[in-house]
PDB file of all heavy atoms in Angstrom:
ATOM      1  N   VAL A   1       5.419   2.197 -13.355  1.00  0.00           N
ATOM      2  CA  VAL A   1       6.336   1.095 -13.062  1.00  0.00           C
ATOM      3  C   VAL A   1       7.776   1.599 -13.054  1.00  0.00           C
ATOM      4  O   VAL A   1       8.197   2.342 -13.947  1.00  0.00           O
ATOM      5  CB  VAL A   1       6.168  -0.040 -14.088  1.00  0.00           C
ATOM      6  CG1 VAL A   1       7.368  -0.985 -14.062  1.00  0.00           C
ATOM      7  CG2 VAL A   1       4.906  -0.833 -13.798  1.00  0.00           C
ATOM      8  N   GLY A   2       8.513   1.215 -12.011  1.00  0.00           N
ATOM      9  CA  GLY A   2       9.911   1.611 -11.898  1.00  0.00           C
ATOM     10  C   GLY A   2      10.128   2.924 -11.186  1.00  0.00           C
ATOM     11  O   GLY A   2      11.273   3.305 -10.936  1.00  0.00           O
ATOM     12  N   GLU A   3       9.043   3.620 -10.832  1.00  0.00           N
ATOM     13  CA  GLU A   3       9.156   4.903 -10.142  1.00  0.00           C
ATOM     14  C   GLU A   3       8.793   4.758  -8.666  1.00  0.00           C
ATOM     15  O   GLU A   3       8.222   3.742  -8.242  1.00  0.00           O
ATOM     16  CB  GLU A   3       8.248   5.944 -10.796  1.00  0.00           C
ATOM     17  CG  GLU A   3       8.603   6.261 -12.237  1.00  0.00           C
ATOM     18  CD  GLU A   3       7.672   7.265 -12.881  1.00  0.00           C
ATOM     19  OE1 GLU A   3       6.584   7.537 -12.308  1.00  0.00           O
ATOM     20  OE2 GLU A   3       8.024   7.777 -13.955  1.00  0.00           O
ATOM     21  N   THR A   4       9.116   5.782  -7.887  1.00  0.00           N
ATOM     22  CA  THR A   4       8.785   5.804  -6.470  1.00  0.00           C
ATOM     23  C   THR A   4       7.836   6.959  -6.166  1.00  0.00           C
ATOM     24  O   THR A   4       7.809   7.955  -6.884  1.00  0.00           O
ATOM     25  CB  THR A   4      10.051   5.957  -5.603  1.00  0.00           C
ATOM     26  OG1 THR A   4      10.763   7.119  -6.027  1.00  0.00           O
ATOM     27  CG2 THR A   4      10.947   4.737  -5.732  1.00  0.00           C
ATOM     28  N   ALA A   5       7.077   6.797  -5.089  1.00  0.00           N
ATOM     29  CA  ALA A   5       6.155   7.853  -4.671  1.00  0.00           C
ATOM     30  C   ALA A   5       5.791   7.656  -3.207  1.00  0.00           C
ATOM     31  O   ALA A   5       5.894   6.550  -2.662  1.00  0.00           O
ATOM     32  CB  ALA A   5       4.893   7.841  -5.532  1.00  0.00           C
ATOM     33  N   LEU A   6       5.374   8.732  -2.575  1.00  0.00           N
ATOM     34  CA  LEU A   6       4.900   8.689  -1.190  1.00  0.00           C
ATOM     35  C   LEU A   6       3.390   8.526  -1.225  1.00  0.00           C
ATOM     36  O   LEU A   6       2.677   9.411  -1.704  1.00  0.00           O
ATOM     37  CB  LEU A   6       5.286   9.977  -0.472  1.00  0.00           C
ATOM     38  CG  LEU A   6       5.244   9.969   1.058  1.00  0.00           C
ATOM     39  CD1 LEU A   6       6.276   9.001   1.621  1.00  0.00           C
ATOM     40  CD2 LEU A   6       5.495  11.379   1.591  1.00  0.00           C
ATOM     41  N   LEU A   7       2.895   7.380  -0.739  1.00  0.00           N
ATOM     42  CA  LEU A   7       1.468   7.063  -0.819  1.00  0.00           C
ATOM     43  C   LEU A   7       0.881   6.839   0.564  1.00  0.00           C
ATOM     44  O   LEU A   7       1.571   6.424   1.489  1.00  0.00           O
ATOM     45  CB  LEU A   7       1.247   5.808  -1.673  1.00  0.00           C
ATOM     46  CG  LEU A   7       1.795   5.827  -3.105  1.00  0.00           C
ATOM     47  CD1 LEU A   7       1.443   4.521  -3.807  1.00  0.00           C
ATOM     48  CD2 LEU A   7       1.271   7.013  -3.884  1.00  0.00           C
ATOM     49  N   LYS A   8      -0.431   7.067   0.672  1.00  0.00           N
ATOM     50  CA  LYS A   8      -1.125   6.891   1.946  1.00  0.00           C
ATOM     51  C   LYS A   8      -1.744   5.498   2.035  1.00  0.00           C
ATOM     52  O   LYS A   8      -2.344   5.009   1.077  1.00  0.00           O
ATOM     53  CB  LYS A   8      -2.207   7.957   2.115  1.00  0.00           C
ATOM     54  CG  LYS A   8      -2.882   7.938   3.487  1.00  0.00           C
ATOM     55  CD  LYS A   8      -3.844   9.096   3.656  1.00  0.00           C
ATOM     56  CE  LYS A   8      -3.144  10.430   3.681  1.00  0.00           C
ATOM     57  NZ  LYS A   8      -2.266  10.569   4.897  1.00  0.00           N
ATOM     58  N   VAL A   9      -1.617   4.891   3.199  1.00  0.00           N
ATOM     59  CA  VAL A   9      -2.241   3.591   3.460  1.00  0.00           C
ATOM     60  C   VAL A   9      -3.726   3.824   3.749  1.00  0.00           C
ATOM     61  O   VAL A   9      -4.082   4.553   4.665  1.00  0.00           O
ATOM     62  CB  VAL A   9      -1.581   2.893   4.664  1.00  0.00           C
ATOM     63  CG1 VAL A   9      -2.276   1.550   4.945  1.00  0.00           C
ATOM     64  CG2 VAL A   9      -0.092   2.684   4.423  1.00  0.00           C
ATOM     65  N   VAL A  10      -4.601   3.196   2.958  1.00  0.00           N
ATOM     66  CA  VAL A  10      -6.040   3.377   3.154  1.00  0.00           C
ATOM     67  C   VAL A  10      -6.671   2.202   3.895  1.00  0.00           C
ATOM     68  O   VAL A  10      -7.742   2.329   4.483  1.00  0.00           O
ATOM     69  CB  VAL A  10      -6.767   3.599   1.810  1.00  0.00           C
ATOM     70  CG1 VAL A  10      -6.320   4.905   1.175  1.00  0.00           C
ATOM     71  CG2 VAL A  10      -6.527   2.447   0.850  1.00  0.00           C
ATOM     72  N   GLU A  11      -5.971   1.050   3.877  1.00  0.00           N
ATOM     73  CA  GLU A  11      -6.523  -0.131   4.546  1.00  0.00           C
ATOM     74  C   GLU A  11      -5.417  -1.170   4.707  1.00  0.00           C
ATOM     75  O   GLU A  11      -4.503  -1.255   3.892  1.00  0.00           O
ATOM     76  CB  GLU A  11      -7.661  -0.727   3.716  1.00  0.00           C
ATOM     77  CG  GLU A  11      -8.377  -1.889   4.366  1.00  0.00           C
ATOM     78  CD  GLU A  11      -9.487  -2.455   3.485  1.00  0.00           C
ATOM     79  OE1 GLU A  11      -9.750  -1.871   2.419  1.00  0.00           O
ATOM     80  OE2 GLU A  11     -10.065  -3.488   3.863  1.00  0.00           O
ATOM     81  N   VAL A  12      -5.515  -1.952   5.776  1.00  0.00           N
ATOM     82  CA  VAL A  12      -4.615  -3.085   5.960  1.00  0.00           C
ATOM     83  C   VAL A  12      -5.469  -4.339   6.014  1.00  0.00           C
ATOM     84  O   VAL A  12      -6.385  -4.452   6.839  1.00  0.00           O
ATOM     85  CB  VAL A  12      -3.783  -2.950   7.254  1.00  0.00           C
ATOM     86  CG1 VAL A  12      -2.897  -4.183   7.441  1.00  0.00           C
ATOM     87  CG2 VAL A  12      -2.916  -1.692   7.211  1.00  0.00           C
ATOM     88  N   GLY A  13      -5.204  -5.279   5.091  1.00  0.00           N
ATOM     89  CA  GLY A  13      -6.012  -6.496   4.986  1.00  0.00           C
ATOM     90  C   GLY A  13      -5.237  -7.755   5.315  1.00  0.00           C
ATOM     91  O   GLY A  13      -4.172  -7.709   5.940  1.00  0.00           O
ATOM     92  N   LYS A  14      -5.758  -8.884   4.853  1.00  0.00           N
ATOM     93  CA  LYS A  14      -5.162 -10.182   5.182  1.00  0.00           C
ATOM     94  C   LYS A  14      -3.912 -10.484   4.359  1.00  0.00           C
ATOM     95  O   LYS A  14      -3.075 -11.286   4.770  1.00  0.00           O
ATOM     96  CB  LYS A  14      -6.196 -11.296   4.960  1.00  0.00           C
ATOM     97  CG  LYS A  14      -7.381 -11.223   5.911  1.00  0.00           C
ATOM     98  CD  LYS A  14      -8.349 -12.364   5.660  1.00  0.00           C
ATOM     99  CE  LYS A  14      -9.524 -12.310   6.621  1.00  0.00           C
ATOM    100  NZ  LYS A  14     -10.494 -13.419   6.384  1.00  0.00           N
ATOM    101  N   ILE A  15      -3.784  -9.870   3.188  1.00  0.00           N
ATOM    102  CA  ILE A  15      -2.642 -10.173   2.324  1.00  0.00           C
ATOM    103  C   ILE A  15      -1.637  -9.020   2.251  1.00  0.00           C
ATOM    104  O   ILE A  15      -0.582  -9.153   1.639  1.00  0.00           O
ATOM    105  CB  ILE A  15      -3.104 -10.547   0.899  1.00  0.00           C
ATOM    106  CG1 ILE A  15      -3.896  -9.385   0.275  1.00  0.00           C
ATOM    107  CG2 ILE A  15      -3.930 -11.821   0.920  1.00  0.00           C
ATOM    108  CD1 ILE A  15      -4.257  -9.622  -1.186  1.00  0.00           C
ATOM    109  N   GLY A  16      -1.990  -7.909   2.863  1.00  0.00           N
ATOM    110  CA  GLY A  16      -1.099  -6.754   2.831  1.00  0.00           C
ATOM    111  C   GLY A  16      -1.864  -5.459   3.058  1.00  0.00           C
ATOM    112  O   GLY A  16      -3.006  -5.471   3.533  1.00  0.00           O
ATOM    113  N   ALA A  17      -1.242  -4.366   2.697  1.00  0.00           N
ATOM    114  CA  ALA A  17      -1.872  -3.054   2.833  1.00  0.00           C
ATOM    115  C   ALA A  17      -2.303  -2.562   1.459  1.00  0.00           C
ATOM    116  O   ALA A  17      -1.758  -2.978   0.434  1.00  0.00           O
ATOM    117  CB  ALA A  17      -0.901  -2.074   3.467  1.00  0.00           C
ATOM    118  N   PHE A  18      -3.275  -1.661   1.446  1.00  0.00           N
ATOM    119  CA  PHE A  18      -3.758  -1.085   0.197  1.00  0.00           C
ATOM    120  C   PHE A  18      -3.509   0.417   0.232  1.00  0.00           C
ATOM    121  O   PHE A  18      -3.790   1.090   1.225  1.00  0.00           O
ATOM    122  CB  PHE A  18      -5.237  -1.408  -0.010  1.00  0.00           C
ATOM    123  CG  PHE A  18      -5.477  -2.867  -0.256  1.00  0.00           C
ATOM    124  CD1 PHE A  18      -5.709  -3.737   0.804  1.00  0.00           C
ATOM    125  CD2 PHE A  18      -5.432  -3.386  -1.547  1.00  0.00           C
ATOM    126  CE1 PHE A  18      -5.907  -5.096   0.577  1.00  0.00           C
ATOM    127  CE2 PHE A  18      -5.629  -4.738  -1.785  1.00  0.00           C
ATOM    128  CZ  PHE A  18      -5.859  -5.601  -0.723  1.00  0.00           C
ATOM    129  N   LEU A  19      -2.974   0.926  -0.879  1.00  0.00           N
ATOM    130  CA  LEU A  19      -2.511   2.303  -0.942  1.00  0.00           C
ATOM    131  C   LEU A  19      -3.304   3.106  -1.960  1.00  0.00           C
ATOM    132  O   LEU A  19      -3.716   2.587  -3.006  1.00  0.00           O
ATOM    133  CB  LEU A  19      -1.027   2.336  -1.332  1.00  0.00           C
ATOM    134  CG  LEU A  19      -0.093   1.355  -0.607  1.00  0.00           C
ATOM    135  CD1 LEU A  19       1.319   1.480  -1.163  1.00  0.00           C
ATOM    136  CD2 LEU A  19      -0.108   1.608   0.896  1.00  0.00           C
ATOM    137  N   ASP A  20      -3.490   4.381  -1.667  1.00  0.00           N
ATOM    138  CA  ASP A  20      -4.141   5.312  -2.603  1.00  0.00           C
ATOM    139  C   ASP A  20      -3.093   5.805  -3.588  1.00  0.00           C
ATOM    140  O   ASP A  20      -2.151   6.501  -3.225  1.00  0.00           O
ATOM    141  CB  ASP A  20      -4.741   6.480  -1.833  1.00  0.00           C
ATOM    142  CG  ASP A  20      -5.333   7.547  -2.746  1.00  0.00           C
ATOM    143  OD1 ASP A  20      -5.475   7.284  -3.961  1.00  0.00           O
ATOM    144  OD2 ASP A  20      -5.641   8.650  -2.246  1.00  0.00           O
ATOM    145  N   TRP A  21      -3.271   5.437  -4.862  1.00  0.00           N
ATOM    146  CA  TRP A  21      -2.310   5.891  -5.872  1.00  0.00           C
ATOM    147  C   TRP A  21      -2.982   6.660  -6.998  1.00  0.00           C
ATOM    148  O   TRP A  21      -2.449   6.818  -8.085  1.00  0.00           O
ATOM    149  CB  TRP A  21      -1.493   4.718  -6.411  1.00  0.00           C
ATOM    150  CG  TRP A  21      -2.258   3.639  -7.135  1.00  0.00           C
ATOM    151  CD1 TRP A  21      -3.455   3.102  -6.793  1.00  0.00           C
ATOM    152  CD2 TRP A  21      -1.844   2.966  -8.321  1.00  0.00           C
ATOM    153  NE1 TRP A  21      -3.825   2.137  -7.683  1.00  0.00           N
ATOM    154  CE2 TRP A  21      -2.847   2.015  -8.634  1.00  0.00           C
ATOM    155  CE3 TRP A  21      -0.735   3.052  -9.154  1.00  0.00           C
ATOM    156  CZ2 TRP A  21      -2.768   1.187  -9.741  1.00  0.00           C
ATOM    157  CZ3 TRP A  21      -0.650   2.208 -10.242  1.00  0.00           C
ATOM    158  CH2 TRP A  21      -1.661   1.291 -10.527  1.00  0.00           C
ATOM    159  N   GLY A  22      -4.191   7.157  -6.709  1.00  0.00           N
ATOM    160  CA  GLY A  22      -4.878   8.038  -7.638  1.00  0.00           C
ATOM    161  C   GLY A  22      -5.863   7.359  -8.561  1.00  0.00           C
ATOM    162  O   GLY A  22      -6.542   8.035  -9.339  1.00  0.00           O
ATOM    163  N   LEU A  23      -5.978   6.029  -8.491  1.00  0.00           N
ATOM    164  CA  LEU A  23      -6.908   5.298  -9.343  1.00  0.00           C
ATOM    165  C   LEU A  23      -8.027   4.681  -8.514  1.00  0.00           C
ATOM    166  O   LEU A  23      -7.950   4.619  -7.285  1.00  0.00           O
ATOM    167  CB  LEU A  23      -6.163   4.206 -10.124  1.00  0.00           C
ATOM    168  CG  LEU A  23      -5.006   4.681 -11.008  1.00  0.00           C
ATOM    169  CD1 LEU A  23      -4.419   3.511 -11.780  1.00  0.00           C
ATOM    170  CD2 LEU A  23      -5.437   5.794 -11.950  1.00  0.00           C
ATOM    171  N   GLU A  24      -9.080   4.209  -9.191  1.00  0.00           N
ATOM    172  CA  GLU A  24     -10.240   3.662  -8.486  1.00  0.00           C
ATOM    173  C   GLU A  24      -9.861   2.436  -7.666  1.00  0.00           C
ATOM    174  O   GLU A  24     -10.319   2.256  -6.539  1.00  0.00           O
ATOM    175  CB  GLU A  24     -11.335   3.296  -9.491  1.00  0.00           C
ATOM    176  CG  GLU A  24     -12.002   4.506 -10.135  1.00  0.00           C
ATOM    177  CD  GLU A  24     -13.147   4.107 -11.040  1.00  0.00           C
ATOM    178  OE1 GLU A  24     -13.428   2.896 -11.153  1.00  0.00           O
ATOM    179  OE2 GLU A  24     -13.768   4.995 -11.643  1.00  0.00           O
ATOM    180  N   LYS A  25      -9.032   1.564  -8.241  1.00  0.00           N
ATOM    181  CA  LYS A  25      -8.610   0.363  -7.531  1.00  0.00           C
ATOM    182  C   LYS A  25      -7.343   0.664  -6.745  1.00  0.00           C
ATOM    183  O   LYS A  25      -6.336   1.078  -7.311  1.00  0.00           O
ATOM    184  CB  LYS A  25      -8.349  -0.771  -8.524  1.00  0.00           C
ATOM    185  CG  LYS A  25      -7.898  -2.071  -7.873  1.00  0.00           C
ATOM    186  CD  LYS A  25      -7.501  -3.096  -8.923  1.00  0.00           C
ATOM    187  CE  LYS A  25      -6.970  -4.367  -8.257  1.00  0.00           C
ATOM    188  NZ  LYS A  25      -6.476  -5.342  -9.266  1.00  0.00           N
ATOM    189  N   ASP A  26      -7.387   0.469  -5.415  1.00  0.00           N
ATOM    190  CA  ASP A  26      -6.216   0.740  -4.587  1.00  0.00           C
ATOM    191  C   ASP A  26      -5.085  -0.229  -4.920  1.00  0.00           C
ATOM    192  O   ASP A  26      -5.303  -1.337  -5.418  1.00  0.00           O
ATOM    193  CB  ASP A  26      -6.575   0.630  -3.102  1.00  0.00           C
ATOM    194  CG  ASP A  26      -7.532   1.730  -2.660  1.00  0.00           C
ATOM    195  OD1 ASP A  26      -7.452   2.839  -3.229  1.00  0.00           O
ATOM    196  OD2 ASP A  26      -8.363   1.477  -1.763  1.00  0.00           O
ATOM    197  N   LEU A  27      -3.870   0.189  -4.626  1.00  0.00           N
ATOM    198  CA  LEU A  27      -2.671  -0.585  -4.959  1.00  0.00           C
ATOM    199  C   LEU A  27      -2.270  -1.470  -3.788  1.00  0.00           C
ATOM    200  O   LEU A  27      -2.173  -1.015  -2.651  1.00  0.00           O
ATOM    201  CB  LEU A  27      -1.533   0.374  -5.306  1.00  0.00           C
ATOM    202  CG  LEU A  27      -0.182  -0.237  -5.670  1.00  0.00           C
ATOM    203  CD1 LEU A  27      -0.278  -1.043  -6.964  1.00  0.00           C
ATOM    204  CD2 LEU A  27       0.869   0.866  -5.807  1.00  0.00           C
ATOM    205  N   LEU A  28      -1.983  -2.738  -4.076  1.00  0.00           N
ATOM    206  CA  LEU A  28      -1.597  -3.690  -3.033  1.00  0.00           C
ATOM    207  C   LEU A  28      -0.116  -3.555  -2.682  1.00  0.00           C
ATOM    208  O   LEU A  28       0.745  -3.527  -3.562  1.00  0.00           O
ATOM    209  CB  LEU A  28      -1.873  -5.125  -3.497  1.00  0.00           C
ATOM    210  CG  LEU A  28      -1.356  -6.244  -2.580  1.00  0.00           C
ATOM    211  CD1 LEU A  28      -2.089  -6.228  -1.239  1.00  0.00           C
ATOM    212  CD2 LEU A  28      -1.496  -7.613  -3.250  1.00  0.00           C
ATOM    213  N   LEU A  29       0.151  -3.498  -1.387  1.00  0.00           N
ATOM    214  CA  LEU A  29       1.502  -3.601  -0.848  1.00  0.00           C
ATOM    215  C   LEU A  29       1.553  -4.901  -0.051  1.00  0.00           C
ATOM    216  O   LEU A  29       1.126  -4.948   1.099  1.00  0.00           O
ATOM    217  CB  LEU A  29       1.827  -2.411   0.052  1.00  0.00           C
ATOM    218  CG  LEU A  29       3.122  -2.492   0.867  1.00  0.00           C
ATOM    219  CD1 LEU A  29       4.348  -2.547  -0.043  1.00  0.00           C
ATOM    220  CD2 LEU A  29       3.233  -1.322   1.849  1.00  0.00           C
ATOM    221  N   PRO A  30       2.060  -5.996  -0.653  1.00  0.00           N
ATOM    222  CA  PRO A  30       2.078  -7.291   0.048  1.00  0.00           C
ATOM    223  C   PRO A  30       2.912  -7.226   1.331  1.00  0.00           C
ATOM    224  O   PRO A  30       3.854  -6.441   1.434  1.00  0.00           O
ATOM    225  CB  PRO A  30       2.729  -8.235  -0.981  1.00  0.00           C
ATOM    226  CG  PRO A  30       2.555  -7.555  -2.300  1.00  0.00           C
ATOM    227  CD  PRO A  30       2.632  -6.087  -2.003  1.00  0.00           C
ATOM    228  N   PHE A  31       2.561  -8.075   2.285  1.00  0.00           N
ATOM    229  CA  PHE A  31       3.321  -8.095   3.532  1.00  0.00           C
ATOM    230  C   PHE A  31       4.797  -8.372   3.282  1.00  0.00           C
ATOM    231  O   PHE A  31       5.667  -7.801   3.935  1.00  0.00           O
ATOM    232  CB  PHE A  31       2.742  -9.148   4.487  1.00  0.00           C
ATOM    233  CG  PHE A  31       1.473  -8.723   5.160  1.00  0.00           C
ATOM    234  CD1 PHE A  31       0.327  -9.514   5.094  1.00  0.00           C
ATOM    235  CD2 PHE A  31       1.402  -7.534   5.871  1.00  0.00           C
ATOM    236  CE1 PHE A  31      -0.846  -9.128   5.710  1.00  0.00           C
ATOM    237  CE2 PHE A  31       0.232  -7.131   6.502  1.00  0.00           C
ATOM    238  CZ  PHE A  31      -0.902  -7.935   6.414  1.00  0.00           C
ATOM    239  N   LYS A  32       5.112  -9.242   2.324  1.00  0.00           N
ATOM    240  CA  LYS A  32       6.504  -9.605   2.072  1.00  0.00           C
ATOM    241  C   LYS A  32       7.303  -8.452   1.470  1.00  0.00           C
ATOM    242  O   LYS A  32       8.544  -8.500   1.459  1.00  0.00           O
ATOM    243  CB  LYS A  32       6.579 -10.833   1.154  1.00  0.00           C
ATOM    244  CG  LYS A  32       6.074 -10.607  -0.256  1.00  0.00           C
ATOM    245  CD  LYS A  32       6.150 -11.896  -1.066  1.00  0.00           C
ATOM    246  CE  LYS A  32       5.646 -11.696  -2.493  1.00  0.00           C
ATOM    247  NZ  LYS A  32       6.523 -10.814  -3.259  1.00  0.00           N
ATOM    248  N   GLU A  33       6.623  -7.425   0.992  1.00  0.00           N
ATOM    249  CA  GLU A  33       7.312  -6.268   0.425  1.00  0.00           C
ATOM    250  C   GLU A  33       7.373  -5.098   1.402  1.00  0.00           C
ATOM    251  O   GLU A  33       7.777  -4.000   1.047  1.00  0.00           O
ATOM    252  CB  GLU A  33       6.625  -5.826  -0.867  1.00  0.00           C
ATOM    253  CG  GLU A  33       6.686  -6.846  -1.987  1.00  0.00           C
ATOM    254  CD  GLU A  33       8.116  -7.142  -2.427  1.00  0.00           C
ATOM    255  OE1 GLU A  33       8.967  -6.222  -2.352  1.00  0.00           O
ATOM    256  OE2 GLU A  33       8.396  -8.285  -2.833  1.00  0.00           O
ATOM    257  N   GLN A  34       6.976  -5.350   2.646  1.00  0.00           N
ATOM    258  CA  GLN A  34       7.025  -4.309   3.671  1.00  0.00           C
ATOM    259  C   GLN A  34       8.301  -4.440   4.482  1.00  0.00           C
ATOM    260  O   GLN A  34       8.658  -5.531   4.917  1.00  0.00           O
ATOM    261  CB  GLN A  34       5.799  -4.399   4.586  1.00  0.00           C
ATOM    262  CG  GLN A  34       4.476  -4.180   3.862  1.00  0.00           C
ATOM    263  CD  GLN A  34       3.264  -4.304   4.778  1.00  0.00           C
ATOM    264  OE1 GLN A  34       3.374  -4.171   5.991  1.00  0.00           O
ATOM    265  NE2 GLN A  34       2.107  -4.548   4.188  1.00  0.00           N
ATOM    266  N   THR A  35       8.991  -3.340   4.699  1.00  0.00           N
ATOM    267  CA  THR A  35      10.190  -3.358   5.531  1.00  0.00           C
ATOM    268  C   THR A  35       9.835  -3.095   6.991  1.00  0.00           C
ATOM    269  O   THR A  35      10.672  -3.229   7.881  1.00  0.00           O
ATOM    270  CB  THR A  35      11.201  -2.308   5.050  1.00  0.00           C
ATOM    271  OG1 THR A  35      10.580  -1.016   5.032  1.00  0.00           O
ATOM    272  CG2 THR A  35      11.672  -2.644   3.636  1.00  0.00           C
ATOM    273  N   LYS A  36       8.601  -2.708   7.234  1.00  0.00           N
ATOM    274  CA  LYS A  36       8.047  -2.579   8.578  1.00  0.00           C
ATOM    275  C   LYS A  36       6.537  -2.656   8.439  1.00  0.00           C
ATOM    276  O   LYS A  36       5.995  -2.444   7.359  1.00  0.00           O
ATOM    277  CB  LYS A  36       8.458  -1.255   9.237  1.00  0.00           C
ATOM    278  CG  LYS A  36       7.822  -0.013   8.616  1.00  0.00           C
ATOM    279  CD  LYS A  36       8.285   1.243   9.315  1.00  0.00           C
ATOM    280  CE  LYS A  36       7.541   2.492   8.796  1.00  0.00           C
ATOM    281  NZ  LYS A  36       6.154   2.537   9.263  1.00  0.00           N
ATOM    282  N   ARG A  37       5.848  -2.990   9.478  1.00  0.00           N
ATOM    283  CA  ARG A  37       4.397  -3.045   9.424  1.00  0.00           C
ATOM    284  C   ARG A  37       3.833  -1.632   9.342  1.00  0.00           C
ATOM    285  O   ARG A  37       4.241  -0.745  10.088  1.00  0.00           O
ATOM    286  CB  ARG A  37       3.824  -3.780  10.649  1.00  0.00           C
ATOM    287  CG  ARG A  37       4.003  -5.280  10.570  1.00  0.00           C
ATOM    288  CD  ARG A  37       3.180  -5.852   9.433  1.00  0.00           C
ATOM    289  NE  ARG A  37       3.337  -7.294   9.293  1.00  0.00           N
ATOM    290  CZ  ARG A  37       4.074  -7.892   8.368  1.00  0.00           C
ATOM    291  NH1 ARG A  37       4.747  -7.150   7.500  1.00  0.00           N
ATOM    292  NH2 ARG A  37       4.156  -9.195   8.296  1.00  0.00           N
ATOM    293  N   VAL A  38       2.909  -1.442   8.432  1.00  0.00           N
ATOM    294  CA  VAL A  38       2.330  -0.113   8.219  1.00  0.00           C
ATOM    295  C   VAL A  38       0.935  -0.054   8.815  1.00  0.00           C
ATOM    296  O   VAL A  38       0.297  -1.092   9.053  1.00  0.00           O
ATOM    297  CB  VAL A  38       2.288   0.234   6.713  1.00  0.00           C
ATOM    298  CG1 VAL A  38       3.700   0.191   6.130  1.00  0.00           C
ATOM    299  CG2 VAL A  38       1.380  -0.724   5.944  1.00  0.00           C
ATOM    300  N   VAL A  39       0.437   1.154   9.032  1.00  0.00           N
ATOM    301  CA  VAL A  39      -0.886   1.328   9.629  1.00  0.00           C
ATOM    302  C   VAL A  39      -1.718   2.265   8.759  1.00  0.00           C
ATOM    303  O   VAL A  39      -1.189   3.067   7.994  1.00  0.00           O
ATOM    304  CB  VAL A  39      -0.795   1.885  11.063  1.00  0.00           C
ATOM    305  CG1 VAL A  39      -0.078   0.911  11.969  1.00  0.00           C
ATOM    306  CG2 VAL A  39      -0.077   3.235  11.074  1.00  0.00           C
ATOM    307  N   ARG A  40      -2.999   2.160   8.897  1.00  0.00           N
ATOM    308  CA  ARG A  40      -3.923   2.997   8.130  1.00  0.00           C
ATOM    309  C   ARG A  40      -3.659   4.477   8.390  1.00  0.00           C
ATOM    310  O   ARG A  40      -3.466   4.903   9.523  1.00  0.00           O
ATOM    311  CB  ARG A  40      -5.357   2.646   8.515  1.00  0.00           C
ATOM    312  CG  ARG A  40      -6.417   3.378   7.722  1.00  0.00           C
ATOM    313  CD  ARG A  40      -7.794   2.890   8.108  1.00  0.00           C
ATOM    314  NE  ARG A  40      -8.827   3.563   7.324  1.00  0.00           N
ATOM    315  CZ  ARG A  40     -10.129   3.310   7.442  1.00  0.00           C
ATOM    316  NH1 ARG A  40     -10.553   2.400   8.308  1.00  0.00           N
ATOM    317  NH2 ARG A  40     -11.005   3.955   6.698  1.00  0.00           N
ATOM    318  N   GLY A  41      -3.653   5.257   7.312  1.00  0.00           N
ATOM    319  CA  GLY A  41      -3.435   6.689   7.416  1.00  0.00           C
ATOM    320  C   GLY A  41      -1.984   7.105   7.315  1.00  0.00           C
ATOM    321  O   GLY A  41      -1.686   8.296   7.179  1.00  0.00           O
TER     322      GLY A  41
END
């Protein structure tokens, strides 16, 4: 929390994108927190 990192988009769903951050459960990037639309990979 409070840090930044370069993460890969693994999926784009209905509520936002999901990112690989090294844990079993992918991290949600909500659409409202995107400064541009992201794509898988």
